[in-house]
Amino acid sequence: MATSQTTQTAGSIETGSTGLNRWWRVIGGLMMNIALGTLYAWSVFVAPLEKEFHWKRADTSTIFTIAVVVFALTFILAGRLQDKFGPFWISLTGAILVSLGFFLCSYTSSLNYLFICFGVIGGLGNGFGYATPIPVMSKWFPDKRGLAVGLAVGGYGGGSAIFGPLSASYLIPHFGWRTTFQVLGAIFLVMTVIGAFLLKNPPAGYKPAGWTPAATSKAAASTYDFSPGEMLKTPTFYFMWIAYALGCTAGLMVISQLVPFAKSVGIPSTTLASLGLVVGAVGNAGGRILSGWMSDHLGRINVLRLMIGISMVAMPVLYAVGGNVAALFVMLFIVYWCYGTQLSVNAATAADFWGTKNVGINYGLLFTAWGVAGLLGGRIGGKLFDKYHNYQMAFYTAAVLALVALLSEFMARRPKHI
């Protein structure tokens, strides 16, 4: 059925079919990100790879670190290309690269091979694939931007909850890690290609039916589209970057130490690896979706401040509950929730504060903060344990970093074009 639309001088107003179309874009973004989010499930491959090749944990951790850094840096280029040429070819490129990366991993016999296949090719695929849903959702949903972006990127947080346990409990034990890489690569290709075809921009000047921008809304969007250079001249960008980087670094410091911490207090690592992976993934996805919805009503910065503040308290509490399994999982859920919040609400904030025309590259520049967090979080946590031989310092240092992030977030203000 052809899409009907009504065009007025004020812009394109949706009709029934156009309004339905925008929810198909959410499904496309969700499918794309569920596949891409298996980056978080890398840990299920660590044990079989280390067992077969006798690699050290530092070696397998480097593979993930390369993927994170390449992902974050590629996002800038992919975001710029998305702004210029639209989402389809960029997302399709990401679909092919991430699927190819997983498939090629099945033939590995060396670390350098995995550095390239999972780290570089997989990282490139994530950067190109992840760069498109956020701008598309931001343009289709000016009225529900936080919720729509949260739903799309929530798939990234939830992907590991689906494919992590599937791989760890069924595919790897029955077919081996090589076949598992191939099976996942094939599944991802189907999911991401379908997602790429669903990701389309709305007509120019699109507005949902019956929606009027409210300048006084706590989630009001900018009426001016900042260029990347103009955005970099606003102090708000740097306050938000610092808060994003330190808030995620704090979260990843704690997350990276959870399995060895649980083992140190008598909780079997298998319990945390199976149930903990699901609890964390659900918290991550829930934070992205529901905090995004909250930000539509309470304001983006207000929700970021609230969740960073909660994480600041939750991290030392998580350490304090120690071997209490139930309390540990509750706090684990909260830490992941606060971490996931930053990934969706910062994306919606970038579109609100600096406009949607250049949101691909503008958010890409802000997203480098997450890349820095991915590079530093696990390393800082590990070094603190090596120095002090306990996990208390890592968890309390994470709380201090969250405090600095909170103070920086309080300094952020809606930028004004001069």
Protein backbone atom coordinates (compact mmCIF):
# COMPACT_ATOMS: atom_id res chain seq x y z
CA MET A 1 0.00 0.00 0.00
CA ALA A 2 1.40 3.39 -0.94
CA THR A 3 2.13 5.77 1.91
CA SER A 4 -0.19 8.75 1.93
CA GLN A 5 0.99 12.04 3.27
CA THR A 6 -0.23 15.61 3.39
CA THR A 7 2.24 18.42 2.71
CA GLN A 8 1.70 21.94 3.96
CA THR A 9 3.91 24.99 4.02
CA ALA A 10 4.60 24.29 7.66
CA GLY A 11 5.89 20.82 6.82
CA SER A 12 4.66 17.31 6.24
CA ILE A 13 1.80 16.26 8.52
CA GLU A 14 1.20 12.56 9.05
CA THR A 15 -1.91 10.73 7.99
CA GLY A 16 -2.92 7.31 9.26
CA SER A 17 -0.54 5.34 7.03
CA THR A 18 2.36 7.71 7.70
CA GLY A 19 1.79 7.40 11.42
CA LEU A 20 1.87 3.61 11.15
CA ASN A 21 5.06 3.82 9.10
CA ARG A 22 7.00 5.44 11.89
CA TRP A 23 6.43 2.46 14.18
CA TRP A 24 7.89 0.20 11.48
CA ARG A 25 11.06 2.28 11.80
CA VAL A 26 11.19 1.41 15.50
CA ILE A 27 10.93 -2.28 14.63
CA GLY A 28 13.73 -1.85 12.10
CA GLY A 29 15.96 -0.15 14.66
CA LEU A 30 15.12 -2.78 17.26
CA MET A 31 16.02 -5.67 14.93
CA MET A 32 19.27 -3.99 13.96
CA ASN A 33 20.30 -3.36 17.55
CA ILE A 34 19.32 -6.76 18.95
CA ALA A 35 21.85 -8.28 16.55
CA LEU A 36 24.50 -5.63 17.17
CA GLY A 37 24.06 -5.88 20.94
CA THR A 38 25.65 -9.32 20.97
CA LEU A 39 28.90 -7.39 21.25
CA TYR A 40 28.09 -7.42 24.99
CA ALA A 41 27.87 -11.24 24.91
CA TRP A 42 31.50 -11.60 23.87
CA SER A 43 32.18 -13.06 27.32
CA VAL A 44 30.46 -16.37 26.38
CA PHE A 45 33.26 -17.04 23.86
CA VAL A 46 36.09 -16.17 26.25
CA ALA A 47 36.24 -19.47 28.17
CA PRO A 48 36.21 -21.83 25.13
CA LEU A 49 38.76 -19.69 23.29
CA GLU A 50 41.08 -19.54 26.31
CA LYS A 51 40.71 -23.29 26.84
CA GLU A 52 41.58 -24.20 23.24
CA PHE A 53 44.35 -21.69 22.58
CA HIS A 54 45.65 -21.13 26.15
CA TRP A 55 45.28 -17.38 25.81
CA LYS A 56 45.36 -15.11 28.84
CA ARG A 57 42.43 -12.99 29.97
CA ALA A 58 44.30 -9.83 29.01
CA ASP A 59 44.51 -11.15 25.44
CA THR A 60 40.81 -11.92 25.07
CA SER A 61 39.92 -8.63 26.78
CA THR A 62 41.97 -6.76 24.17
CA ILE A 63 39.76 -8.20 21.42
CA PHE A 64 36.70 -6.64 23.02
CA THR A 65 38.54 -3.37 23.67
CA ILE A 66 39.50 -3.05 19.99
CA ALA A 67 35.87 -3.62 18.98
CA VAL A 68 34.66 -0.91 21.37
CA VAL A 69 37.22 1.67 20.20
CA VAL A 70 36.61 0.97 16.50
CA PHE A 71 32.87 1.11 17.14
CA ALA A 72 33.04 4.52 18.81
CA LEU A 73 35.38 6.07 16.21
CA THR A 74 33.44 4.64 13.25
CA PHE A 75 30.24 6.13 14.62
CA ILE A 76 31.51 9.63 13.76
CA LEU A 77 32.12 8.77 10.08
CA ALA A 78 28.96 6.70 9.79
CA GLY A 79 26.90 9.43 11.45
CA ARG A 80 28.20 12.00 8.98
CA LEU A 81 27.46 9.72 6.01
CA GLN A 82 23.99 9.02 7.40
CA ASP A 83 23.28 12.76 7.64
CA LYS A 84 24.34 13.25 4.00
CA PHE A 85 23.03 10.15 2.25
CA GLY A 86 20.28 8.76 4.48
CA PRO A 87 20.12 5.61 6.61
CA PHE A 88 19.70 2.72 4.15
CA TRP A 89 23.15 2.22 2.66
CA ILE A 90 24.87 3.04 5.94
CA SER A 91 22.82 0.53 7.91
CA LEU A 92 23.19 -2.08 5.15
CA THR A 93 26.96 -1.65 5.31
CA GLY A 94 26.83 -2.23 9.05
CA ALA A 95 24.62 -5.29 8.54
CA ILE A 96 27.07 -6.93 6.14
CA LEU A 97 30.18 -6.06 8.17
CA VAL A 98 28.95 -7.28 11.56
CA SER A 99 27.62 -10.53 10.07
CA LEU A 100 30.84 -11.08 8.09
CA GLY A 101 32.91 -10.41 11.19
CA PHE A 102 31.09 -13.08 13.20
CA PHE A 103 31.28 -15.62 10.38
CA LEU A 104 35.01 -15.10 9.85
CA CYS A 105 35.67 -15.49 13.60
CA SER A 106 34.80 -19.17 13.21
CA TYR A 107 38.03 -19.75 11.27
CA THR A 108 40.36 -18.18 13.80
CA SER A 109 43.59 -19.78 14.94
CA SER A 110 45.38 -16.67 16.24
CA LEU A 111 44.77 -13.57 18.32
CA ASN A 112 45.70 -11.26 15.45
CA TYR A 113 43.00 -12.87 13.32
CA LEU A 114 40.38 -12.18 16.02
CA PHE A 115 41.71 -8.65 16.47
CA ILE A 116 40.79 -8.05 12.82
CA CYS A 117 37.59 -10.10 12.50
CA PHE A 118 35.83 -9.34 15.78
CA GLY A 119 37.69 -6.17 16.76
CA VAL A 120 38.00 -4.27 13.49
CA ILE A 121 35.34 -5.74 11.17
CA GLY A 122 32.84 -6.29 13.98
CA GLY A 123 33.58 -2.84 15.40
CA LEU A 124 33.07 -1.23 11.99
CA GLY A 125 29.79 -3.09 11.58
CA ASN A 126 28.59 -1.88 14.97
CA GLY A 127 29.55 1.71 14.17
CA PHE A 128 27.74 1.78 10.83
CA GLY A 129 24.74 -0.18 12.08
CA TYR A 130 24.25 1.75 15.33
CA ALA A 131 24.65 5.15 13.65
CA THR A 132 21.34 4.99 11.79
CA PRO A 133 18.46 4.09 14.19
CA ILE A 134 19.04 7.07 16.49
CA PRO A 135 18.75 9.80 13.79
CA VAL A 136 15.81 8.00 12.17
CA MET A 137 13.90 7.75 15.47
CA SER A 138 14.74 11.36 16.34
CA LYS A 139 13.17 12.59 13.09
CA TRP A 140 10.08 10.37 13.13
CA PHE A 141 9.26 10.95 16.83
CA PRO A 142 9.70 14.60 17.83
CA ASP A 143 6.77 14.04 20.21
CA LYS A 144 8.08 10.82 21.83
CA ARG A 145 11.78 11.07 21.06
CA GLY A 146 13.05 9.60 24.33
CA LEU A 147 10.74 6.58 24.16
CA ALA A 148 11.38 5.90 20.45
CA VAL A 149 15.16 6.18 20.73
CA GLY A 150 15.02 4.07 23.89
CA LEU A 151 13.00 1.34 22.16
CA ALA A 152 15.40 1.23 19.21
CA VAL A 153 18.63 1.19 21.20
CA GLY A 154 17.03 -0.96 23.91
CA GLY A 155 17.58 -3.83 21.52
CA TYR A 156 21.30 -3.30 21.88
CA GLY A 157 21.03 -3.79 25.61
CA GLY A 158 18.71 -6.78 25.23
CA GLY A 159 20.58 -8.60 22.46
CA SER A 160 22.97 -10.21 24.90
CA ALA A 161 20.01 -11.47 26.97
CA ILE A 162 18.81 -13.46 23.95
CA PHE A 163 21.93 -14.63 22.19
CA GLY A 164 24.22 -14.83 25.22
CA PRO A 165 22.30 -17.60 27.03
CA LEU A 166 21.41 -19.26 23.70
CA SER A 167 25.10 -19.47 22.82
CA ALA A 168 26.36 -20.41 26.29
CA SER A 169 23.68 -22.96 27.18
CA TYR A 170 22.90 -24.57 23.82
CA LEU A 171 24.92 -23.64 20.76
CA ILE A 172 28.47 -23.83 22.16
CA PRO A 173 27.93 -27.03 24.23
CA HIS A 174 26.21 -28.84 21.34
CA PHE A 175 27.99 -27.49 18.25
CA GLY A 176 31.17 -25.79 19.45
CA TRP A 177 32.23 -22.16 19.37
CA ARG A 178 33.18 -22.18 15.67
CA THR A 179 29.73 -23.27 14.49
CA THR A 180 28.16 -20.86 16.98
CA PHE A 181 29.95 -17.94 15.34
CA GLN A 182 28.65 -19.09 11.95
CA VAL A 183 25.08 -19.58 13.14
CA LEU A 184 25.01 -16.16 14.79
CA GLY A 185 26.53 -14.54 11.70
CA ALA A 186 23.74 -15.99 9.54
CA ILE A 187 21.01 -14.94 11.99
CA PHE A 188 22.44 -11.45 12.25
CA LEU A 189 22.59 -11.05 8.47
CA VAL A 190 18.87 -11.76 8.14
CA MET A 191 17.90 -9.52 11.06
CA THR A 192 20.09 -6.57 10.15
CA VAL A 193 19.25 -6.57 6.44
CA ILE A 194 15.52 -6.51 7.26
CA GLY A 195 16.23 -3.74 9.75
CA ALA A 196 18.16 -1.76 7.13
CA PHE A 197 15.23 -1.88 4.71
CA LEU A 198 12.88 -0.58 7.42
CA LEU A 199 15.08 2.36 8.41
CA LYS A 200 13.94 5.32 6.32
CA ASN A 201 13.75 9.03 7.03
CA PRO A 202 10.36 10.80 7.15
CA PRO A 203 9.34 13.41 4.57
CA ALA A 204 10.99 16.81 4.98
CA GLY A 205 9.37 18.88 7.71
CA TYR A 206 7.46 15.89 9.07
CA LYS A 207 5.24 16.43 12.14
CA PRO A 208 2.93 13.90 13.83
CA ALA A 209 -0.76 14.66 13.46
CA GLY A 210 -2.09 16.92 16.20
CA TRP A 211 1.38 17.62 17.61
CA THR A 212 2.57 21.19 18.14
CA PRO A 213 6.08 21.84 19.42
CA ALA A 214 5.95 23.35 22.89
CA ALA A 215 8.84 25.67 23.62
CA THR A 216 8.16 25.41 27.34
CA SER A 217 8.29 21.61 27.42
CA LYS A 218 11.02 20.05 29.56
CA ALA A 219 11.98 18.01 26.49
CA ALA A 220 11.58 20.82 23.96
CA ALA A 221 13.72 20.44 20.85
CA SER A 222 15.98 23.09 19.35
CA THR A 223 14.53 24.98 16.42
CA TYR A 224 18.05 25.51 15.08
CA ASP A 225 20.25 22.80 13.58
CA PHE A 226 23.77 23.22 14.92
CA SER A 227 26.63 22.22 12.65
CA PRO A 228 29.31 20.02 14.28
CA GLY A 229 31.60 23.05 14.55
CA GLU A 230 28.90 25.13 16.22
CA MET A 231 28.08 22.32 18.63
CA LEU A 232 31.74 22.04 19.65
CA LYS A 233 31.67 25.73 20.59
CA THR A 234 28.93 25.19 23.17
CA PRO A 235 30.10 24.53 26.77
CA THR A 236 27.18 22.12 27.15
CA PHE A 237 28.84 19.63 24.82
CA TYR A 238 31.91 19.34 27.06
CA PHE A 239 29.94 19.08 30.29
CA MET A 240 27.79 16.34 28.75
CA TRP A 241 30.84 14.58 27.29
CA ILE A 242 32.56 14.48 30.68
CA ALA A 243 29.39 13.25 32.39
CA TYR A 244 28.83 10.60 29.69
CA ALA A 245 32.44 9.38 29.80
CA LEU A 246 32.76 9.23 33.59
CA GLY A 247 29.25 7.89 34.18
CA CYS A 248 29.81 5.00 31.76
CA THR A 249 33.37 4.42 32.98
CA ALA A 250 31.99 4.02 36.51
CA GLY A 251 29.34 1.58 35.30
CA LEU A 252 31.80 -0.49 33.28
CA MET A 253 34.30 -0.57 36.16
CA VAL A 254 31.71 -2.31 38.30
CA ILE A 255 30.27 -4.48 35.51
CA SER A 256 33.71 -5.73 34.47
CA GLN A 257 34.48 -6.91 38.02
CA LEU A 258 31.18 -8.61 38.80
CA VAL A 259 32.13 -12.21 37.98
CA PRO A 260 35.40 -12.25 39.96
CA PHE A 261 33.76 -10.26 42.77
CA ALA A 262 30.89 -12.75 43.02
CA LYS A 263 33.38 -15.61 43.11
CA SER A 264 35.33 -13.90 45.90
CA VAL A 265 32.22 -13.76 48.12
CA GLY A 266 31.22 -17.37 47.48
CA ILE A 267 28.70 -16.99 44.63
CA PRO A 268 29.40 -19.56 41.88
CA SER A 269 30.58 -17.89 38.69
CA THR A 270 28.20 -20.12 36.70
CA THR A 271 25.24 -18.60 38.58
CA LEU A 272 26.30 -15.06 37.76
CA ALA A 273 27.30 -15.94 34.20
CA SER A 274 23.88 -17.43 33.38
CA LEU A 275 21.29 -15.59 35.49
CA GLY A 276 23.42 -12.47 35.92
CA LEU A 277 23.78 -12.02 32.17
CA VAL A 278 20.00 -12.00 31.78
CA VAL A 279 19.39 -9.71 34.78
CA GLY A 280 22.02 -7.28 33.56
CA ALA A 281 20.75 -7.29 29.99
CA VAL A 282 17.14 -6.72 31.10
CA GLY A 283 18.27 -3.86 33.33
CA ASN A 284 20.33 -2.39 30.51
CA ALA A 285 17.44 -2.58 28.04
CA GLY A 286 14.92 -1.39 30.61
CA GLY A 287 17.03 1.64 31.44
CA ARG A 288 17.27 2.59 27.78
CA ILE A 289 13.54 2.25 27.14
CA LEU A 290 11.82 3.39 30.33
CA SER A 291 14.31 6.12 31.18
CA GLY A 292 13.86 7.35 27.60
CA TRP A 293 10.11 7.49 28.21
CA MET A 294 10.67 9.26 31.53
CA SER A 295 12.86 11.87 29.81
CA ASP A 296 9.94 12.81 27.51
CA HIS A 297 8.03 13.91 30.60
CA LEU A 298 10.66 14.93 33.16
CA GLY A 299 13.30 16.36 30.85
CA ARG A 300 16.45 14.75 29.44
CA ILE A 301 19.02 16.28 31.77
CA ASN A 302 16.82 15.72 34.82
CA VAL A 303 16.65 11.98 34.13
CA LEU A 304 20.39 11.78 33.46
CA ARG A 305 21.08 13.51 36.76
CA LEU A 306 18.68 11.22 38.60
CA MET A 307 20.11 7.97 37.22
CA ILE A 308 23.75 8.98 37.61
CA GLY A 309 22.95 9.93 41.21
CA ILE A 310 21.31 6.55 41.83
CA SER A 311 24.29 4.73 40.31
CA MET A 312 26.64 6.70 42.57
CA VAL A 313 24.86 5.20 45.59
CA ALA A 314 24.23 1.76 44.08
CA MET A 315 27.88 0.93 43.38
CA PRO A 316 29.17 0.90 46.98
CA VAL A 317 25.89 -0.69 48.12
CA LEU A 318 26.48 -3.51 45.62
CA TYR A 319 29.85 -4.12 47.25
CA ALA A 320 28.34 -3.96 50.74
CA VAL A 321 25.66 -6.61 50.08
CA GLY A 322 28.46 -9.04 49.29
CA GLY A 323 27.41 -12.66 49.23
CA ASN A 324 23.66 -12.06 49.49
CA VAL A 325 22.61 -13.43 46.10
CA ALA A 326 19.17 -11.78 45.96
CA ALA A 327 20.49 -8.36 47.01
CA LEU A 328 23.40 -8.68 44.59
CA PHE A 329 21.07 -9.27 41.66
CA VAL A 330 18.85 -6.34 42.67
CA MET A 331 21.82 -4.00 42.77
CA LEU A 332 23.18 -5.49 39.56
CA PHE A 333 19.88 -4.67 37.86
CA ILE A 334 20.02 -1.08 39.15
CA VAL A 335 23.63 -0.52 38.02
CA TYR A 336 22.86 -1.82 34.53
CA TRP A 337 19.66 0.26 34.43
CA CYS A 338 21.57 3.46 35.20
CA TYR A 339 24.25 2.52 32.67
CA GLY A 340 21.67 1.84 29.93
CA THR A 341 19.91 5.15 30.65
CA GLN A 342 22.97 7.08 29.53
CA LEU A 343 23.04 5.34 26.14
CA SER A 344 19.48 6.30 25.18
CA VAL A 345 18.87 9.60 26.96
CA ASN A 346 22.15 11.17 25.80
CA ALA A 347 21.18 10.27 22.23
CA ALA A 348 17.75 11.92 22.56
CA THR A 349 19.36 14.93 24.28
CA ALA A 350 21.76 15.43 21.38
CA ALA A 351 18.82 15.64 18.96
CA ASP A 352 16.92 18.01 21.26
CA PHE A 353 19.83 20.31 22.03
CA TRP A 354 21.57 20.55 18.65
CA GLY A 355 18.83 19.66 16.16
CA THR A 356 18.13 16.62 13.97
CA LYS A 357 19.74 17.68 10.67
CA ASN A 358 23.26 16.79 11.82
CA VAL A 359 22.37 14.51 14.71
CA GLY A 360 24.29 11.60 13.19
CA ILE A 361 27.70 13.24 13.43
CA ASN A 362 26.81 15.43 16.42
CA TYR A 363 25.83 12.44 18.53
CA GLY A 364 28.77 10.54 17.04
CA LEU A 365 31.12 13.12 18.52
CA LEU A 366 29.36 12.90 21.88
CA PHE A 367 29.42 9.10 21.65
CA THR A 368 33.22 9.09 21.71
CA ALA A 369 32.74 9.49 25.47
CA TRP A 370 31.36 5.94 25.55
CA GLY A 371 34.38 4.74 23.58
CA VAL A 372 36.69 6.25 26.20
CA ALA A 373 34.64 4.58 28.93
CA GLY A 374 34.89 1.23 27.16
CA LEU A 375 38.64 1.64 26.92
CA LEU A 376 39.16 2.68 30.54
CA GLY A 377 36.40 1.09 32.64
CA GLY A 378 37.60 -2.49 32.80
CA ARG A 379 41.27 -1.54 32.85
CA ILE A 380 40.91 0.83 35.82
CA GLY A 381 38.89 -1.73 37.77
CA GLY A 382 41.45 -4.45 37.10
CA LYS A 383 44.44 -2.28 38.03
CA LEU A 384 42.81 -1.20 41.30
CA PHE A 385 42.28 -4.84 42.23
CA ASP A 386 45.86 -5.72 41.32
CA LYS A 387 47.11 -2.90 43.56
CA TYR A 388 44.83 -3.31 46.58
CA HIS A 389 43.86 -7.00 46.23
CA ASN A 390 40.20 -6.33 46.99
CA TYR A 391 37.19 -5.03 45.11
CA GLN A 392 36.22 -2.30 47.56
CA MET A 393 38.51 0.28 46.00
CA ALA A 394 37.17 -0.37 42.50
CA PHE A 395 33.53 -0.03 43.58
CA TYR A 396 34.14 3.07 45.69
CA THR A 397 36.26 4.71 42.98
CA ALA A 398 33.40 4.09 40.57
CA ALA A 399 31.09 5.96 42.96
CA VAL A 400 33.50 8.91 43.02
CA LEU A 401 33.61 8.99 39.21
CA ALA A 402 29.80 8.94 39.17
CA LEU A 403 29.80 11.91 41.58
CA VAL A 404 32.04 13.90 39.22
CA ALA A 405 29.77 12.92 36.33
CA LEU A 406 26.74 14.13 38.31
CA LEU A 407 28.39 17.50 39.03
CA SER A 408 29.25 17.89 35.35
CA GLU A 409 25.67 17.02 34.38
CA PHE A 410 24.43 19.78 36.72
CA MET A 411 26.61 22.24 34.79
CA ALA A 412 25.00 21.32 31.46
CA ARG A 413 22.40 23.76 30.14
CA ARG A 414 20.28 23.81 26.99
CA PRO A 415 22.54 25.53 24.39
CA LYS A 416 21.37 28.69 22.67
CA HIS A 417 22.23 29.72 19.15
CA ILE A 418 23.71 33.22 19.00
